[in-house]
């Protein structure tokens, strides 16, 4: 009886969250705007499935999961700097994971209602510049942030750090 009463009270809230989860990015919300159709024409199908349709690539399927070189991870859609290799760690989940974004404004975290019954700290992560779906951030990461940005490799492009050379005297 109590479960039926709770369901009766909570189901409208659940519909609100599930419905709000799939709102498309609006032109006034991002610096680089393209319609979903435009993004799908420009991106490879596997990238569009994640970036535009908010899908998830298979665990351990991205070469970026095992990438060890120093460098920067950029948004595959718009080229914005998102993460750096110094903040990358092996979470064992099968997706590239980072303790934080390159800056506080690089990514936008939105409510991920599907996880409300589980990890209450879970948020969807999007590129602030273009609104591309990147992955999720969880509250079970290592120090110093305690966060785990679990990012789809297909949403990222890796730019290796250039070797520094000493000026000749």
N, C-alpha and C. Protein backbone atom coordinates (compact mmCIF):
# COMPACT_ATOMS: atom_id res chain seq x y z
N UNK A 1 0.82 -1.19 0.00
CA UNK A 1 0.00 0.00 0.00
C UNK A 1 0.87 1.26 0.00
N UNK A 2 1.91 1.25 0.83
CA UNK A 2 2.81 2.40 0.90
C UNK A 2 3.54 2.59 -0.43
N UNK A 3 3.92 1.48 -1.07
CA UNK A 3 4.61 1.57 -2.37
C UNK A 3 3.69 2.17 -3.42
N UNK A 4 2.41 1.78 -3.42
CA UNK A 4 1.46 2.34 -4.38
C UNK A 4 1.27 3.82 -4.15
N UNK A 5 1.23 4.22 -2.87
CA UNK A 5 1.06 5.63 -2.54
C UNK A 5 2.28 6.42 -3.00
N UNK A 6 3.47 5.89 -2.76
CA UNK A 6 4.70 6.57 -3.17
C UNK A 6 4.75 6.68 -4.69
N UNK A 7 4.38 5.60 -5.38
CA UNK A 7 4.37 5.64 -6.85
C UNK A 7 3.40 6.70 -7.34
N UNK A 8 2.22 6.76 -6.72
CA UNK A 8 1.20 7.73 -7.11
C UNK A 8 1.66 9.16 -6.96
N UNK A 9 2.52 9.40 -5.99
CA UNK A 9 3.03 10.75 -5.75
C UNK A 9 4.23 11.05 -6.64
N UNK A 10 5.08 10.06 -6.86
CA UNK A 10 6.35 10.30 -7.55
C UNK A 10 6.33 10.14 -9.06
N UNK A 11 5.36 9.42 -9.63
CA UNK A 11 5.41 9.19 -11.07
C UNK A 11 5.37 10.47 -11.89
N UNK A 12 4.60 11.50 -11.51
CA UNK A 12 4.67 12.73 -12.33
C UNK A 12 6.06 13.36 -12.32
N UNK A 13 6.72 13.29 -11.18
CA UNK A 13 8.08 13.82 -11.08
C UNK A 13 9.02 13.03 -11.99
N UNK A 14 8.86 11.72 -12.02
CA UNK A 14 9.68 10.89 -12.90
C UNK A 14 9.46 11.21 -14.36
N UNK A 15 8.23 11.42 -14.76
CA UNK A 15 7.95 11.78 -16.15
C UNK A 15 8.57 13.13 -16.50
N UNK A 16 8.53 14.06 -15.55
CA UNK A 16 9.14 15.37 -15.78
C UNK A 16 10.64 15.20 -16.04
N UNK A 17 11.33 14.43 -15.19
CA UNK A 17 12.76 14.25 -15.33
C UNK A 17 13.11 13.51 -16.61
N UNK A 18 12.38 12.45 -16.92
CA UNK A 18 12.68 11.69 -18.12
C UNK A 18 12.42 12.54 -19.36
N UNK A 19 11.34 13.30 -19.36
CA UNK A 19 11.04 14.18 -20.49
C UNK A 19 12.05 15.29 -20.65
N UNK A 20 12.53 15.83 -19.53
CA UNK A 20 13.48 16.94 -19.61
C UNK A 20 14.88 16.46 -19.99
N UNK A 21 15.14 15.18 -19.82
CA UNK A 21 16.46 14.62 -20.10
C UNK A 21 16.84 14.76 -21.56
N UNK A 22 15.90 14.64 -22.46
CA UNK A 22 16.21 14.60 -23.88
C UNK A 22 16.00 15.93 -24.60
N UNK A 23 15.96 17.02 -23.87
CA UNK A 23 15.79 18.32 -24.53
C UNK A 23 16.99 18.59 -25.42
N UNK A 24 16.74 18.98 -26.65
CA UNK A 24 17.87 19.31 -27.54
C UNK A 24 18.55 20.60 -27.10
N UNK A 25 19.78 20.77 -27.52
CA UNK A 25 20.52 21.99 -27.24
C UNK A 25 19.88 23.12 -28.05
N UNK A 26 19.67 24.24 -27.39
CA UNK A 26 19.08 25.40 -28.07
C UNK A 26 20.17 26.34 -28.55
N UNK A 27 19.88 27.07 -29.61
CA UNK A 27 20.86 27.97 -30.21
C UNK A 27 21.40 29.00 -29.23
N UNK A 28 20.56 29.50 -28.35
CA UNK A 28 20.99 30.53 -27.40
C UNK A 28 21.75 29.97 -26.20
N UNK A 29 21.92 28.66 -26.12
CA UNK A 29 22.61 28.04 -24.99
C UNK A 29 24.09 27.79 -25.24
N UNK A 30 24.53 27.84 -26.48
CA UNK A 30 25.90 27.49 -26.82
C UNK A 30 26.52 28.50 -27.78
N UNK A 31 27.84 28.52 -27.80
CA UNK A 31 28.58 29.40 -28.71
C UNK A 31 28.58 28.86 -30.14
N UNK A 32 28.77 27.54 -30.27
CA UNK A 32 28.77 26.89 -31.58
C UNK A 32 27.50 26.05 -31.69
N UNK A 33 26.56 26.54 -32.47
CA UNK A 33 25.29 25.82 -32.61
C UNK A 33 25.15 25.23 -34.00
N UNK A 34 24.73 23.98 -34.03
CA UNK A 34 24.32 23.32 -35.26
C UNK A 34 23.14 22.44 -34.91
N UNK A 35 22.23 22.28 -35.84
CA UNK A 35 21.08 21.42 -35.60
C UNK A 35 21.57 19.97 -35.50
N UNK A 36 20.77 19.11 -34.87
CA UNK A 36 21.16 17.69 -34.83
C UNK A 36 21.43 17.11 -36.22
N UNK A 37 20.66 17.54 -37.20
CA UNK A 37 20.86 17.04 -38.57
C UNK A 37 22.21 17.48 -39.13
N UNK A 38 22.59 18.74 -38.84
CA UNK A 38 23.89 19.23 -39.32
C UNK A 38 25.03 18.46 -38.67
N UNK A 39 24.94 18.24 -37.33
CA UNK A 39 25.99 17.48 -36.64
C UNK A 39 26.09 16.07 -37.22
N UNK A 40 24.95 15.44 -37.48
CA UNK A 40 24.95 14.07 -37.99
C UNK A 40 25.56 13.97 -39.39
N UNK A 41 25.44 15.03 -40.17
CA UNK A 41 26.08 15.04 -41.50
C UNK A 41 27.60 15.17 -41.38
N UNK A 42 28.07 15.90 -40.37
CA UNK A 42 29.50 16.18 -40.21
C UNK A 42 30.26 15.11 -39.44
N UNK A 43 29.62 14.45 -38.51
CA UNK A 43 30.29 13.48 -37.64
C UNK A 43 30.14 12.06 -38.16
N UNK A 44 31.13 11.20 -37.87
CA UNK A 44 30.95 9.78 -38.20
C UNK A 44 29.74 9.23 -37.43
N UNK A 45 29.07 8.22 -37.95
CA UNK A 45 27.86 7.70 -37.30
C UNK A 45 28.03 7.32 -35.84
N UNK A 46 29.16 6.67 -35.50
CA UNK A 46 29.36 6.25 -34.10
C UNK A 46 29.54 7.45 -33.18
N UNK A 47 30.14 8.53 -33.68
CA UNK A 47 30.29 9.75 -32.89
C UNK A 47 28.96 10.48 -32.75
N UNK A 48 28.19 10.54 -33.83
CA UNK A 48 26.89 11.20 -33.79
C UNK A 48 25.94 10.51 -32.81
N UNK A 49 26.01 9.18 -32.75
CA UNK A 49 25.15 8.43 -31.83
C UNK A 49 25.38 8.86 -30.39
N UNK A 50 26.62 9.15 -30.05
CA UNK A 50 26.94 9.57 -28.68
C UNK A 50 26.76 11.07 -28.51
N UNK A 51 27.37 11.86 -29.37
CA UNK A 51 27.41 13.32 -29.22
C UNK A 51 26.03 13.95 -29.39
N UNK A 52 25.28 13.51 -30.37
CA UNK A 52 23.98 14.12 -30.68
C UNK A 52 22.84 13.39 -29.98
N UNK A 53 22.83 12.05 -30.08
CA UNK A 53 21.73 11.25 -29.53
C UNK A 53 21.93 10.84 -28.08
N UNK A 54 23.05 11.27 -27.50
CA UNK A 54 23.38 10.98 -26.09
C UNK A 54 23.47 9.48 -25.80
N UNK A 55 24.05 8.77 -26.74
CA UNK A 55 24.27 7.35 -26.55
C UNK A 55 25.53 7.10 -25.74
N UNK A 56 25.93 5.85 -25.67
CA UNK A 56 27.15 5.46 -24.96
C UNK A 56 27.89 4.44 -25.81
N UNK A 57 29.19 4.65 -25.98
CA UNK A 57 29.99 3.66 -26.70
C UNK A 57 30.21 2.45 -25.80
N UNK A 58 30.57 1.34 -26.40
CA UNK A 58 30.86 0.13 -25.63
C UNK A 58 32.10 0.35 -24.77
N UNK A 59 32.08 -0.18 -23.57
CA UNK A 59 33.23 -0.11 -22.68
C UNK A 59 34.44 -0.75 -23.34
N UNK A 60 35.61 -0.18 -23.12
CA UNK A 60 36.89 -0.67 -23.63
C UNK A 60 37.00 -0.61 -25.16
N UNK A 61 36.12 0.13 -25.82
CA UNK A 61 36.14 0.18 -27.29
C UNK A 61 36.98 1.34 -27.83
N UNK A 62 37.32 2.30 -26.99
CA UNK A 62 38.04 3.48 -27.46
C UNK A 62 39.54 3.35 -27.21
N UNK A 63 40.33 3.72 -28.21
CA UNK A 63 41.78 3.75 -28.05
C UNK A 63 42.19 4.78 -26.99
N UNK A 64 41.36 5.77 -26.75
CA UNK A 64 41.70 6.80 -25.77
C UNK A 64 41.65 6.27 -24.34
N UNK A 65 40.99 5.14 -24.14
CA UNK A 65 40.95 4.55 -22.80
C UNK A 65 42.37 4.20 -22.33
N UNK A 66 43.20 3.72 -23.24
CA UNK A 66 44.57 3.32 -22.87
C UNK A 66 45.62 4.36 -23.26
N UNK A 67 45.21 5.51 -23.76
CA UNK A 67 46.15 6.56 -24.16
C UNK A 67 46.96 7.02 -22.95
N UNK A 68 48.31 6.97 -23.08
CA UNK A 68 49.19 7.32 -21.97
C UNK A 68 50.03 8.57 -22.22
N UNK A 69 50.06 9.06 -23.45
CA UNK A 69 50.90 10.21 -23.76
C UNK A 69 50.36 11.49 -23.12
N UNK A 70 51.28 12.43 -22.91
CA UNK A 70 50.89 13.75 -22.41
C UNK A 70 50.18 14.49 -23.53
N UNK A 71 49.14 15.20 -23.17
CA UNK A 71 48.42 15.97 -24.18
C UNK A 71 47.09 16.47 -23.68
N UNK A 72 46.29 16.91 -24.64
CA UNK A 72 45.00 17.54 -24.33
C UNK A 72 43.89 16.78 -25.05
N UNK A 73 42.76 16.69 -24.39
CA UNK A 73 41.58 16.06 -24.96
C UNK A 73 40.59 17.15 -25.32
N UNK A 74 40.20 17.18 -26.60
CA UNK A 74 39.30 18.21 -27.11
C UNK A 74 37.96 17.61 -27.48
N UNK A 75 36.95 18.45 -27.54
CA UNK A 75 35.63 18.05 -28.02
C UNK A 75 35.75 17.68 -29.49
N UNK A 76 35.28 16.50 -29.85
CA UNK A 76 35.36 16.05 -31.24
C UNK A 76 34.48 16.89 -32.15
N UNK A 77 33.42 17.45 -31.61
CA UNK A 77 32.50 18.22 -32.44
C UNK A 77 33.01 19.62 -32.73
N UNK A 78 33.51 20.33 -31.70
CA UNK A 78 33.87 21.75 -31.91
C UNK A 78 35.33 22.09 -31.64
N UNK A 79 36.10 21.15 -31.09
CA UNK A 79 37.52 21.40 -30.86
C UNK A 79 37.85 22.13 -29.57
N UNK A 80 36.88 22.34 -28.71
CA UNK A 80 37.14 23.03 -27.44
C UNK A 80 38.00 22.15 -26.53
N UNK A 81 38.95 22.76 -25.82
CA UNK A 81 39.77 22.03 -24.85
C UNK A 81 38.90 21.61 -23.67
N UNK A 82 38.94 20.31 -23.32
CA UNK A 82 38.08 19.79 -22.26
C UNK A 82 38.85 19.19 -21.09
N UNK A 83 39.85 18.35 -21.40
CA UNK A 83 40.59 17.63 -20.36
C UNK A 83 42.06 17.58 -20.72
N UNK A 84 42.90 17.36 -19.70
CA UNK A 84 44.34 17.17 -19.94
C UNK A 84 44.78 15.83 -19.36
N UNK A 85 45.85 15.30 -19.91
CA UNK A 85 46.32 13.97 -19.52
C UNK A 85 46.73 13.89 -18.06
N UNK A 86 47.17 14.99 -17.46
CA UNK A 86 47.57 14.98 -16.05
C UNK A 86 46.41 14.64 -15.12
N UNK A 87 45.18 14.86 -15.58
CA UNK A 87 44.00 14.59 -14.76
C UNK A 87 43.32 13.27 -15.13
N UNK A 88 43.93 12.50 -16.03
CA UNK A 88 43.37 11.22 -16.47
C UNK A 88 43.82 10.12 -15.51
N UNK A 89 42.94 9.16 -15.27
CA UNK A 89 43.29 8.01 -14.43
C UNK A 89 42.55 6.78 -14.94
N UNK A 90 43.03 5.60 -14.54
CA UNK A 90 42.40 4.35 -14.95
C UNK A 90 41.35 3.98 -13.91
N UNK A 91 40.10 4.18 -14.27
CA UNK A 91 39.00 3.88 -13.35
C UNK A 91 38.58 2.42 -13.42
N UNK A 92 39.07 1.71 -14.44
CA UNK A 92 38.70 0.31 -14.61
C UNK A 92 37.31 0.14 -15.22
N UNK A 93 36.69 1.22 -15.64
CA UNK A 93 35.32 1.15 -16.17
C UNK A 93 35.27 0.87 -17.66
N UNK A 94 36.36 1.16 -18.38
CA UNK A 94 36.37 0.96 -19.82
C UNK A 94 36.20 2.24 -20.61
N UNK A 95 36.07 3.36 -19.94
CA UNK A 95 35.97 4.67 -20.60
C UNK A 95 37.07 5.58 -20.08
N UNK A 96 37.58 6.48 -20.92
CA UNK A 96 38.56 7.45 -20.41
C UNK A 96 37.96 8.21 -19.22
N UNK A 97 38.72 8.31 -18.15
CA UNK A 97 38.23 8.95 -16.93
C UNK A 97 39.18 10.02 -16.46
N UNK A 98 38.62 11.10 -15.96
CA UNK A 98 39.39 12.27 -15.52
C UNK A 98 38.86 12.74 -14.17
N UNK A 99 39.74 13.34 -13.38
CA UNK A 99 39.31 13.86 -12.07
C UNK A 99 38.63 15.21 -12.20
N UNK A 100 38.93 15.94 -13.27
CA UNK A 100 38.32 17.25 -13.46
C UNK A 100 38.50 17.69 -14.91
N UNK A 101 37.74 18.70 -15.28
CA UNK A 101 37.87 19.30 -16.60
C UNK A 101 39.04 20.28 -16.59
N UNK A 102 39.48 20.68 -17.77
CA UNK A 102 40.62 21.59 -17.90
C UNK A 102 40.33 22.94 -17.24
N UNK A 103 39.06 23.35 -17.21
CA UNK A 103 38.66 24.58 -16.51
C UNK A 103 37.22 24.41 -16.02
N UNK A 104 36.83 25.26 -15.11
CA UNK A 104 35.48 25.17 -14.55
C UNK A 104 34.41 25.41 -15.62
N UNK A 105 34.74 26.14 -16.67
CA UNK A 105 33.78 26.47 -17.71
C UNK A 105 33.86 25.58 -18.94
N UNK A 106 34.74 24.59 -18.94
CA UNK A 106 34.91 23.75 -20.13
C UNK A 106 33.73 22.82 -20.36
N UNK A 107 33.19 22.29 -19.28
CA UNK A 107 32.05 21.37 -19.40
C UNK A 107 30.89 21.86 -18.56
N UNK A 108 29.71 21.43 -18.97
CA UNK A 108 28.49 21.76 -18.26
C UNK A 108 27.93 20.46 -17.71
N UNK A 109 27.56 20.46 -16.45
CA UNK A 109 26.98 19.27 -15.83
C UNK A 109 25.48 19.49 -15.69
N UNK A 110 24.70 18.54 -16.18
CA UNK A 110 23.25 18.64 -16.10
C UNK A 110 22.71 17.46 -15.32
N UNK A 111 21.53 17.62 -14.78
CA UNK A 111 20.89 16.56 -14.02
C UNK A 111 20.65 15.35 -14.91
N UNK A 112 21.01 14.19 -14.43
CA UNK A 112 20.81 12.94 -15.17
C UNK A 112 19.77 12.14 -14.41
N UNK A 113 18.48 12.36 -14.67
CA UNK A 113 17.43 11.79 -13.85
C UNK A 113 17.38 10.27 -13.83
N UNK A 114 17.89 9.61 -14.83
CA UNK A 114 17.84 8.16 -14.87
C UNK A 114 18.63 7.55 -13.70
N UNK A 115 19.57 8.31 -13.14
CA UNK A 115 20.39 7.81 -12.05
C UNK A 115 19.91 8.27 -10.68
N UNK A 116 18.77 8.93 -10.61
CA UNK A 116 18.31 9.46 -9.33
C UNK A 116 18.10 8.38 -8.28
N UNK A 117 17.81 7.17 -8.70
CA UNK A 117 17.61 6.10 -7.73
C UNK A 117 18.92 5.46 -7.30
N UNK A 118 20.00 5.79 -7.96
CA UNK A 118 21.30 5.21 -7.64
C UNK A 118 22.23 6.27 -7.10
N UNK A 119 23.22 6.62 -7.89
CA UNK A 119 24.22 7.60 -7.48
C UNK A 119 23.65 9.01 -7.64
N UNK A 120 23.30 9.62 -6.53
CA UNK A 120 22.67 10.94 -6.57
C UNK A 120 23.61 12.03 -7.05
N UNK A 121 24.91 11.74 -7.08
CA UNK A 121 25.87 12.75 -7.54
C UNK A 121 26.09 12.69 -9.06
N UNK A 122 25.50 11.72 -9.74
CA UNK A 122 25.70 11.56 -11.18
C UNK A 122 25.10 12.72 -11.96
N UNK A 123 25.88 13.22 -12.90
CA UNK A 123 25.42 14.29 -13.78
C UNK A 123 25.88 14.00 -15.21
N UNK A 124 25.06 14.38 -16.16
CA UNK A 124 25.48 14.30 -17.56
C UNK A 124 26.51 15.40 -17.78
N UNK A 125 27.53 15.12 -18.61
CA UNK A 125 28.56 16.11 -18.92
C UNK A 125 28.45 16.46 -20.40
N UNK A 126 28.37 17.77 -20.67
CA UNK A 126 28.30 18.28 -22.04
C UNK A 126 29.39 19.31 -22.26
N UNK A 127 29.80 19.45 -23.50
CA UNK A 127 30.73 20.51 -23.88
C UNK A 127 30.00 21.84 -23.74
N UNK A 128 30.57 22.76 -23.01
CA UNK A 128 29.93 24.07 -22.83
C UNK A 128 29.84 24.83 -24.14
N UNK A 129 30.84 24.69 -24.99
CA UNK A 129 30.91 25.47 -26.22
C UNK A 129 29.85 25.06 -27.25
N UNK A 130 29.61 23.72 -27.41
CA UNK A 130 28.69 23.28 -28.46
C UNK A 130 27.54 22.40 -27.97
N UNK A 131 27.57 21.99 -26.71
CA UNK A 131 26.49 21.17 -26.16
C UNK A 131 26.62 19.69 -26.44
N UNK A 132 27.75 19.23 -26.98
CA UNK A 132 27.93 17.81 -27.29
C UNK A 132 27.87 16.97 -26.01
N UNK A 133 27.17 15.86 -26.09
CA UNK A 133 27.14 14.91 -24.97
C UNK A 133 28.51 14.24 -24.89
N UNK A 134 29.12 14.28 -23.71
CA UNK A 134 30.44 13.69 -23.53
C UNK A 134 30.39 12.40 -22.72
N UNK A 135 29.60 12.40 -21.67
CA UNK A 135 29.54 11.25 -20.76
C UNK A 135 28.86 11.67 -19.47
N UNK A 136 29.42 11.19 -18.34
CA UNK A 136 28.83 11.47 -17.04
C UNK A 136 29.91 11.72 -16.00
N UNK A 137 29.57 12.43 -14.96
CA UNK A 137 30.48 12.62 -13.84
C UNK A 137 29.81 12.00 -12.61
N UNK A 138 30.62 11.24 -11.87
CA UNK A 138 30.16 10.53 -10.68
C UNK A 138 30.96 11.00 -9.47
N UNK A 139 30.43 10.76 -8.31
CA UNK A 139 31.08 11.18 -7.07
C UNK A 139 31.96 10.11 -6.44
N UNK A 140 32.50 9.20 -7.24
CA UNK A 140 33.32 8.12 -6.68
C UNK A 140 34.76 8.13 -7.20
N UNK A 141 35.26 9.30 -7.57
CA UNK A 141 36.61 9.41 -8.11
C UNK A 141 37.67 9.55 -7.04
N UNK A 142 38.93 9.56 -7.45
CA UNK A 142 40.04 9.67 -6.50
C UNK A 142 40.25 11.12 -6.02
N UNK A 143 41.09 11.25 -5.03
CA UNK A 143 41.49 12.58 -4.54
C UNK A 143 42.23 13.28 -5.67
N UNK A 144 42.27 14.54 -5.77
CA UNK A 144 41.78 15.50 -4.78
C UNK A 144 40.32 15.91 -4.97
N UNK A 145 39.69 15.58 -6.11
CA UNK A 145 38.34 16.07 -6.36
C UNK A 145 37.24 15.14 -5.89
N UNK A 146 37.53 13.84 -5.84
CA UNK A 146 36.50 12.86 -5.52
C UNK A 146 35.51 12.66 -6.66
N UNK A 147 35.83 13.19 -7.84
CA UNK A 147 34.95 13.09 -9.01
C UNK A 147 35.57 12.16 -10.06
N UNK A 148 34.69 11.49 -10.81
CA UNK A 148 35.10 10.65 -11.93
C UNK A 148 34.32 11.09 -13.16
N UNK A 149 34.99 11.84 -14.04
CA UNK A 149 34.40 12.21 -15.32
C UNK A 149 34.60 11.02 -16.24
N UNK A 150 33.56 10.27 -16.47
CA UNK A 150 33.59 9.06 -17.28
C UNK A 150 33.12 9.46 -18.68
N UNK A 151 34.06 9.58 -19.62
CA UNK A 151 33.80 10.23 -20.90
C UNK A 151 33.90 9.24 -22.06
N UNK A 152 32.96 9.31 -22.96
CA UNK A 152 33.00 8.48 -24.17
C UNK A 152 34.19 8.92 -25.03
N UNK A 153 35.06 8.00 -25.36
CA UNK A 153 36.23 8.33 -26.17
C UNK A 153 35.86 8.88 -27.54
N UNK A 154 34.74 8.43 -28.10
CA UNK A 154 34.32 8.89 -29.42
C UNK A 154 33.90 10.36 -29.39
N UNK A 155 33.68 10.92 -28.22
CA UNK A 155 33.33 12.34 -28.08
C UNK A 155 34.57 13.22 -28.02
N UNK A 156 35.74 12.60 -27.95
CA UNK A 156 36.99 13.34 -27.77
C UNK A 156 37.94 13.18 -28.95
N UNK A 157 38.81 14.16 -29.08
CA UNK A 157 39.98 14.06 -29.97
C UNK A 157 41.20 14.30 -29.09
N UNK A 158 42.24 13.52 -29.29
CA UNK A 158 43.46 13.68 -28.48
C UNK A 158 44.51 14.44 -29.27
N UNK A 159 45.10 15.45 -28.63
CA UNK A 159 46.17 16.24 -29.24
C UNK A 159 47.41 16.05 -28.38
N UNK A 160 48.41 15.29 -28.88
CA UNK A 160 49.62 15.05 -28.09
C UNK A 160 50.36 16.36 -27.82
N UNK A 161 50.97 16.42 -26.65
CA UNK A 161 51.76 17.59 -26.29
C UNK A 161 53.03 17.60 -27.13
N UNK A 162 53.35 18.76 -27.66
CA UNK A 162 54.57 18.89 -28.46
C UNK A 162 55.78 18.85 -27.55
N UNK A 163 56.85 18.16 -28.00
CA UNK A 163 58.07 18.11 -27.22
C UNK A 163 58.69 19.50 -27.18
N UNK A 164 59.10 19.89 -25.99
CA UNK A 164 59.72 21.21 -25.84
C UNK A 164 61.20 21.11 -26.23
N UNK A 165 61.65 22.09 -26.95
CA UNK A 165 63.07 22.12 -27.33
C UNK A 165 63.72 23.33 -26.71
N UNK A 166 64.97 23.14 -26.31
CA UNK A 166 65.74 24.26 -25.72
C UNK A 166 66.31 25.11 -26.83
N UNK A 167 66.24 26.38 -26.64
CA UNK A 167 66.81 27.31 -27.63
C UNK A 167 68.32 27.17 -27.60
N UNK A 168 68.90 27.15 -28.79
CA UNK A 168 70.37 27.04 -28.86
C UNK A 168 70.99 28.37 -28.53
N UNK A 169 72.09 28.32 -27.81
CA UNK A 169 72.81 29.55 -27.43
C UNK A 169 73.88 29.89 -28.40
